PDB file of all heavy atoms in Angstrom:
ATOM      1  N   VAL A   1       0.846  -1.188   0.004  1.00  0.00           N
ATOM      2  CA  VAL A   1      -0.008   0.012  -0.002  1.00  0.00           C
ATOM      3  C   VAL A   1       0.876   1.246  -0.012  1.00  0.00           C
ATOM      4  O   VAL A   1       2.103   1.177   0.176  1.00  0.00           O
ATOM      5  CB  VAL A   1      -0.933   0.022   1.208  1.00  0.00           C
ATOM      6  CG1 VAL A   1      -1.841  -1.214   1.249  1.00  0.00           C
ATOM      7  CG2 VAL A   1      -0.150   0.141   2.526  1.00  0.00           C
ATOM      8  N   ASN A   2       0.268   2.408  -0.131  1.00  0.00           N
ATOM      9  CA  ASN A   2       1.011   3.648  -0.087  1.00  0.00           C
ATOM     10  C   ASN A   2       1.407   3.938   1.361  1.00  0.00           C
ATOM     11  O   ASN A   2       0.629   3.727   2.304  1.00  0.00           O
ATOM     12  CB  ASN A   2       0.116   4.787  -0.624  1.00  0.00           C
ATOM     13  CG  ASN A   2       0.868   6.084  -0.845  1.00  0.00           C
ATOM     14  OD1 ASN A   2       1.461   6.614   0.092  1.00  0.00           O
ATOM     15  ND2 ASN A   2       0.849   6.571  -2.073  1.00  0.00           N
ATOM     16  N   ALA A   3       2.622   4.462   1.570  1.00  0.00           N
ATOM     17  CA  ALA A   3       3.098   4.765   2.924  1.00  0.00           C
ATOM     18  C   ALA A   3       2.194   5.737   3.670  1.00  0.00           C
ATOM     19  O   ALA A   3       2.037   5.685   4.890  1.00  0.00           O
ATOM     20  CB  ALA A   3       4.540   5.285   2.884  1.00  0.00           C
ATOM     21  N   ALA A   4       1.557   6.644   2.932  1.00  0.00           N
ATOM     22  CA  ALA A   4       0.664   7.655   3.547  1.00  0.00           C
ATOM     23  C   ALA A   4      -0.612   6.998   4.095  1.00  0.00           C
ATOM     24  O   ALA A   4      -1.328   7.599   4.885  1.00  0.00           O
ATOM     25  CB  ALA A   4       0.300   8.752   2.574  1.00  0.00           C
ATOM     26  N   GLU A   5      -0.876   5.750   3.670  1.00  0.00           N
ATOM     27  CA  GLU A   5      -2.034   5.033   4.137  1.00  0.00           C
ATOM     28  C   GLU A   5      -1.786   4.192   5.387  1.00  0.00           C
ATOM     29  O   GLU A   5      -2.667   3.495   5.850  1.00  0.00           O
ATOM     30  CB  GLU A   5      -2.595   4.135   3.038  1.00  0.00           C
ATOM     31  CG  GLU A   5      -3.102   4.913   1.817  1.00  0.00           C
ATOM     32  CD  GLU A   5      -3.586   3.999   0.717  1.00  0.00           C
ATOM     33  OE1 GLU A   5      -2.832   3.057   0.400  1.00  0.00           O
ATOM     34  OE2 GLU A   5      -4.661   4.239   0.168  1.00  0.00           O
ATOM     35  N   VAL A   6      -0.589   4.293   5.939  1.00  0.00           N
ATOM     36  CA  VAL A   6      -0.228   3.615   7.192  1.00  0.00           C
ATOM     37  C   VAL A   6      -0.221   4.667   8.296  1.00  0.00           C
ATOM     38  O   VAL A   6       0.545   5.600   8.266  1.00  0.00           O
ATOM     39  CB  VAL A   6       1.131   2.947   7.082  1.00  0.00           C
ATOM     40  CG1 VAL A   6       1.520   2.282   8.432  1.00  0.00           C
ATOM     41  CG2 VAL A   6       1.145   1.910   5.961  1.00  0.00           C
ATOM     42  N   PHE A   7      -1.151   4.520   9.259  1.00  0.00           N
ATOM     43  CA  PHE A   7      -1.309   5.487  10.323  1.00  0.00           C
ATOM     44  C   PHE A   7      -0.543   4.998  11.556  1.00  0.00           C
ATOM     45  O   PHE A   7      -0.835   3.933  12.082  1.00  0.00           O
ATOM     46  CB  PHE A   7      -2.789   5.640  10.594  1.00  0.00           C
ATOM     47  CG  PHE A   7      -3.074   6.746  11.623  1.00  0.00           C
ATOM     48  CD1 PHE A   7      -3.392   8.031  11.208  1.00  0.00           C
ATOM     49  CD2 PHE A   7      -3.059   6.466  12.988  1.00  0.00           C
ATOM     50  CE1 PHE A   7      -3.643   9.021  12.132  1.00  0.00           C
ATOM     51  CE2 PHE A   7      -3.347   7.442  13.905  1.00  0.00           C
ATOM     52  CZ  PHE A   7      -3.641   8.753  13.492  1.00  0.00           C
ATOM     53  N   PRO A   8       0.392   5.792  12.082  1.00  0.00           N
ATOM     54  CA  PRO A   8       1.198   5.353  13.251  1.00  0.00           C
ATOM     55  C   PRO A   8       0.702   5.917  14.582  1.00  0.00           C
ATOM     56  O   PRO A   8       0.089   7.011  14.633  1.00  0.00           O
ATOM     57  CB  PRO A   8       2.573   5.934  12.940  1.00  0.00           C
ATOM     58  CG  PRO A   8       2.250   7.251  12.237  1.00  0.00           C
ATOM     59  CD  PRO A   8       0.947   7.035  11.496  1.00  0.00           C
ATOM     60  N   SER A   9       0.931   5.182  15.657  1.00  0.00           N
ATOM     61  CA  SER A   9       0.648   5.614  16.986  1.00  0.00           C
ATOM     62  C   SER A   9       1.724   5.043  17.927  1.00  0.00           C
ATOM     63  O   SER A   9       2.243   3.987  17.682  1.00  0.00           O
ATOM     64  CB  SER A   9      -0.730   5.179  17.514  1.00  0.00           C
ATOM     65  OG  SER A   9      -1.764   5.816  16.852  1.00  0.00           O
ATOM     66  N   SER A  10       2.043   5.814  18.978  1.00  0.00           N
ATOM     67  CA  SER A  10       2.975   5.361  20.008  1.00  0.00           C
ATOM     68  C   SER A  10       2.478   5.755  21.379  1.00  0.00           C
ATOM     69  O   SER A  10       1.775   6.791  21.516  1.00  0.00           O
ATOM     70  CB  SER A  10       4.351   5.957  19.819  1.00  0.00           C
ATOM     71  OG  SER A  10       4.898   5.575  18.541  1.00  0.00           O
ATOM     72  N   THR A  11       2.825   5.000  22.385  1.00  0.00           N
ATOM     73  CA  THR A  11       2.498   5.346  23.765  1.00  0.00           C
ATOM     74  C   THR A  11       3.517   4.768  24.708  1.00  0.00           C
ATOM     75  O   THR A  11       4.022   3.660  24.502  1.00  0.00           O
ATOM     76  CB  THR A  11       1.080   4.812  24.156  1.00  0.00           C
ATOM     77  OG1 THR A  11       0.790   5.214  25.513  1.00  0.00           O
ATOM     78  CG2 THR A  11       0.981   3.295  24.055  1.00  0.00           C
ATOM     79  N   GLY A  12       3.870   5.541  25.722  1.00  0.00           N
ATOM     80  CA  GLY A  12       4.891   5.067  26.682  1.00  0.00           C
ATOM     81  C   GLY A  12       5.693   6.225  27.233  1.00  0.00           C
ATOM     82  O   GLY A  12       5.182   7.348  27.397  1.00  0.00           O
ATOM     83  N   ILE A  13       6.983   5.998  27.410  1.00  0.00           N
ATOM     84  CA  ILE A  13       7.855   6.997  28.052  1.00  0.00           C
ATOM     85  C   ILE A  13       8.288   8.074  27.035  1.00  0.00           C
ATOM     86  O   ILE A  13       8.592   7.765  25.890  1.00  0.00           O
ATOM     87  CB  ILE A  13       9.076   6.314  28.667  1.00  0.00           C
ATOM     88  CG1 ILE A  13       8.640   5.333  29.749  1.00  0.00           C
ATOM     89  CG2 ILE A  13      10.037   7.352  29.260  1.00  0.00           C
ATOM     90  CD1 ILE A  13       9.776   4.500  30.322  1.00  0.00           C
ATOM     91  N   ILE A  14       8.256   9.315  27.496  1.00  0.00           N
ATOM     92  CA  ILE A  14       8.673  10.452  26.658  1.00  0.00           C
ATOM     93  C   ILE A  14      10.195  10.594  26.688  1.00  0.00           C
ATOM     94  O   ILE A  14      10.871  10.367  27.720  1.00  0.00           O
ATOM     95  CB  ILE A  14       8.011  11.738  27.177  1.00  0.00           C
ATOM     96  CG1 ILE A  14       6.500  11.715  26.948  1.00  0.00           C
ATOM     97  CG2 ILE A  14       8.637  12.998  26.523  1.00  0.00           C
ATOM     98  CD1 ILE A  14       5.759  12.834  27.553  1.00  0.00           C
ATOM     99  N   GLY A  15      10.752  10.988  25.532  1.00  0.00           N
ATOM    100  CA  GLY A  15      12.184  11.381  25.484  1.00  0.00           C
ATOM    101  C   GLY A  15      13.126  10.238  25.200  1.00  0.00           C
ATOM    102  O   GLY A  15      14.377  10.471  25.189  1.00  0.00           O
ATOM    103  N   VAL A  16      12.654   9.042  24.919  1.00  0.00           N
ATOM    104  CA  VAL A  16      13.515   7.907  24.620  1.00  0.00           C
ATOM    105  C   VAL A  16      13.468   7.643  23.118  1.00  0.00           C
ATOM    106  O   VAL A  16      12.358   7.493  22.595  1.00  0.00           O
ATOM    107  CB  VAL A  16      13.070   6.625  25.408  1.00  0.00           C
ATOM    108  CG1 VAL A  16      13.931   5.449  25.053  1.00  0.00           C
ATOM    109  CG2 VAL A  16      13.076   6.898  26.890  1.00  0.00           C
ATOM    110  N   PRO A  17      14.589   7.577  22.456  1.00  0.00           N
ATOM    111  CA  PRO A  17      14.595   7.331  21.015  1.00  0.00           C
ATOM    112  C   PRO A  17      13.856   6.041  20.674  1.00  0.00           C
ATOM    113  O   PRO A  17      13.982   5.021  21.364  1.00  0.00           O
ATOM    114  CB  PRO A  17      16.114   7.194  20.660  1.00  0.00           C
ATOM    115  CG  PRO A  17      16.793   7.990  21.732  1.00  0.00           C
ATOM    116  CD  PRO A  17      15.999   7.806  22.987  1.00  0.00           C
ATOM    117  N   LEU A  18      13.064   6.099  19.591  1.00  0.00           N
ATOM    118  CA  LEU A  18      12.326   4.920  19.170  1.00  0.00           C
ATOM    119  C   LEU A  18      13.260   3.951  18.457  1.00  0.00           C
ATOM    120  O   LEU A  18      13.910   4.323  17.474  1.00  0.00           O
ATOM    121  CB  LEU A  18      11.199   5.328  18.210  1.00  0.00           C
ATOM    122  CG  LEU A  18      10.296   4.194  17.710  1.00  0.00           C
ATOM    123  CD1 LEU A  18       9.367   3.696  18.822  1.00  0.00           C
ATOM    124  CD2 LEU A  18       9.488   4.628  16.500  1.00  0.00           C
ATOM    125  N   PRO A  19      13.340   2.702  18.941  1.00  0.00           N
ATOM    126  CA  PRO A  19      14.232   1.670  18.284  1.00  0.00           C
ATOM    127  C   PRO A  19      13.527   1.133  17.061  1.00  0.00           C
ATOM    128  O   PRO A  19      12.996   0.039  17.039  1.00  0.00           O
ATOM    129  CB  PRO A  19      14.387   0.622  19.380  1.00  0.00           C
ATOM    130  CG  PRO A  19      13.175   0.707  20.164  1.00  0.00           C
ATOM    131  CD  PRO A  19      12.712   2.155  20.161  1.00  0.00           C
ATOM    132  N   ALA A  20      13.603   1.904  15.977  1.00  0.00           N
ATOM    133  CA  ALA A  20      12.869   1.534  14.730  1.00  0.00           C
ATOM    134  C   ALA A  20      13.276   0.165  14.238  1.00  0.00           C
ATOM    135  O   ALA A  20      12.443  -0.580  13.716  1.00  0.00           O
ATOM    136  CB  ALA A  20      13.115   2.580  13.650  1.00  0.00           C
ATOM    137  N   GLU A  21      14.547  -0.204  14.420  1.00  0.00           N
ATOM    138  CA  GLU A  21      15.012  -1.487  13.910  1.00  0.00           C
ATOM    139  C   GLU A  21      14.274  -2.644  14.568  1.00  0.00           C
ATOM    140  O   GLU A  21      13.972  -3.678  13.965  1.00  0.00           O
ATOM    141  CB  GLU A  21      16.498  -1.621  14.113  1.00  0.00           C
ATOM    142  CG  GLU A  21      16.999  -1.706  15.544  1.00  0.00           C
ATOM    143  CD  GLU A  21      17.030  -0.342  16.247  1.00  0.00           C
ATOM    144  OE1 GLU A  21      16.793   0.689  15.622  1.00  0.00           O
ATOM    145  OE2 GLU A  21      17.289  -0.348  17.460  1.00  0.00           O
ATOM    146  N   LYS A  22      13.903  -2.500  15.849  1.00  0.00           N
ATOM    147  CA  LYS A  22      13.148  -3.550  16.530  1.00  0.00           C
ATOM    148  C   LYS A  22      11.761  -3.707  15.954  1.00  0.00           C
ATOM    149  O   LYS A  22      11.247  -4.808  15.820  1.00  0.00           O
ATOM    150  CB  LYS A  22      13.051  -3.271  18.036  1.00  0.00           C
ATOM    151  CG  LYS A  22      14.378  -3.395  18.767  1.00  0.00           C
ATOM    152  CD  LYS A  22      14.185  -3.212  20.265  1.00  0.00           C
ATOM    153  CE  LYS A  22      15.487  -3.400  21.030  1.00  0.00           C
ATOM    154  NZ  LYS A  22      15.301  -3.274  22.507  1.00  0.00           N
ATOM    155  N   LEU A  23      11.120  -2.581  15.617  1.00  0.00           N
ATOM    156  CA  LEU A  23       9.794  -2.622  15.034  1.00  0.00           C
ATOM    157  C   LEU A  23       9.851  -3.200  13.630  1.00  0.00           C
ATOM    158  O   LEU A  23       9.020  -4.062  13.291  1.00  0.00           O
ATOM    159  CB  LEU A  23       9.178  -1.233  15.020  1.00  0.00           C
ATOM    160  CG  LEU A  23       9.096  -0.457  16.376  1.00  0.00           C
ATOM    161  CD1 LEU A  23       8.335   0.844  16.170  1.00  0.00           C
ATOM    162  CD2 LEU A  23       8.462  -1.307  17.437  1.00  0.00           C
ATOM    163  N   VAL A  24      10.792  -2.719  12.843  1.00  0.00           N
ATOM    164  CA  VAL A  24      10.877  -3.195  11.448  1.00  0.00           C
ATOM    165  C   VAL A  24      11.137  -4.709  11.427  1.00  0.00           C
ATOM    166  O   VAL A  24      10.562  -5.397  10.589  1.00  0.00           O
ATOM    167  CB  VAL A  24      12.009  -2.482  10.716  1.00  0.00           C
ATOM    168  CG1 VAL A  24      12.350  -3.130   9.383  1.00  0.00           C
ATOM    169  CG2 VAL A  24      11.642  -0.991  10.525  1.00  0.00           C
ATOM    170  N   ALA A  25      11.892  -5.214  12.366  1.00  0.00           N
ATOM    171  CA  ALA A  25      12.206  -6.649  12.361  1.00  0.00           C
ATOM    172  C   ALA A  25      10.973  -7.497  12.628  1.00  0.00           C
ATOM    173  O   ALA A  25      10.975  -8.686  12.315  1.00  0.00           O
ATOM    174  CB  ALA A  25      13.254  -6.918  13.467  1.00  0.00           C
ATOM    175  N   LYS A  26       9.922  -6.931  13.201  1.00  0.00           N
ATOM    176  CA  LYS A  26       8.705  -7.709  13.555  1.00  0.00           C
ATOM    177  C   LYS A  26       7.578  -7.499  12.538  1.00  0.00           C
ATOM    178  O   LYS A  26       6.543  -8.165  12.684  1.00  0.00           O
ATOM    179  CB  LYS A  26       8.264  -7.325  14.943  1.00  0.00           C
ATOM    180  CG  LYS A  26       9.079  -7.948  16.052  1.00  0.00           C
ATOM    181  CD  LYS A  26       8.846  -9.468  16.124  1.00  0.00           C
ATOM    182  CE  LYS A  26       9.662 -10.113  17.216  1.00  0.00           C
ATOM    183  NZ  LYS A  26       9.377 -11.571  17.320  1.00  0.00           N
ATOM    184  N   LEU A  27       7.741  -6.624  11.603  1.00  0.00           N
ATOM    185  CA  LEU A  27       6.655  -6.302  10.695  1.00  0.00           C
ATOM    186  C   LEU A  27       6.195  -7.483   9.834  1.00  0.00           C
ATOM    187  O   LEU A  27       4.976  -7.677   9.673  1.00  0.00           O
ATOM    188  CB  LEU A  27       7.039  -5.110   9.830  1.00  0.00           C
ATOM    189  CG  LEU A  27       7.139  -3.746  10.557  1.00  0.00           C
ATOM    190  CD1 LEU A  27       7.572  -2.668   9.579  1.00  0.00           C
ATOM    191  CD2 LEU A  27       5.791  -3.389  11.180  1.00  0.00           C
ATOM    192  N   ALA A  28       7.144  -8.221   9.300  1.00  0.00           N
ATOM    193  CA  ALA A  28       6.766  -9.369   8.464  1.00  0.00           C
ATOM    194  C   ALA A  28       5.947 -10.367   9.250  1.00  0.00           C
ATOM    195  O   ALA A  28       4.983 -10.949   8.715  1.00  0.00           O
ATOM    196  CB  ALA A  28       8.032 -10.051   7.885  1.00  0.00           C
ATOM    197  N   GLU A  29       6.307 -10.593  10.530  1.00  0.00           N
ATOM    198  CA  GLU A  29       5.548 -11.491  11.380  1.00  0.00           C
ATOM    199  C   GLU A  29       4.143 -10.975  11.596  1.00  0.00           C
ATOM    200  O   GLU A  29       3.145 -11.692  11.501  1.00  0.00           O
ATOM    201  CB  GLU A  29       6.253 -11.634  12.710  1.00  0.00           C
ATOM    202  CG  GLU A  29       5.493 -12.494  13.728  1.00  0.00           C
ATOM    203  CD  GLU A  29       6.164 -12.517  15.119  1.00  0.00           C
ATOM    204  OE1 GLU A  29       7.374 -12.348  15.167  1.00  0.00           O
ATOM    205  OE2 GLU A  29       5.438 -12.700  16.105  1.00  0.00           O
ATOM    206  N   LEU A  30       4.012  -9.651  11.852  1.00  0.00           N
ATOM    207  CA  LEU A  30       2.697  -9.057  12.060  1.00  0.00           C
ATOM    208  C   LEU A  30       1.811  -9.233  10.820  1.00  0.00           C
ATOM    209  O   LEU A  30       0.627  -9.616  10.924  1.00  0.00           O
ATOM    210  CB  LEU A  30       2.832  -7.557  12.360  1.00  0.00           C
ATOM    211  CG  LEU A  30       3.182  -7.121  13.797  1.00  0.00           C
ATOM    212  CD1 LEU A  30       3.296  -5.601  13.852  1.00  0.00           C
ATOM    213  CD2 LEU A  30       2.188  -7.624  14.775  1.00  0.00           C
TER     214      LEU A  30
END
């Protein structure tokens, strides 16, 4: 799909860099 059609949300601790590589590694499984 188009990247603009993917809506993101996050919740948790403020001020901590998002470990994008951890999320990307799980996307195929999802």
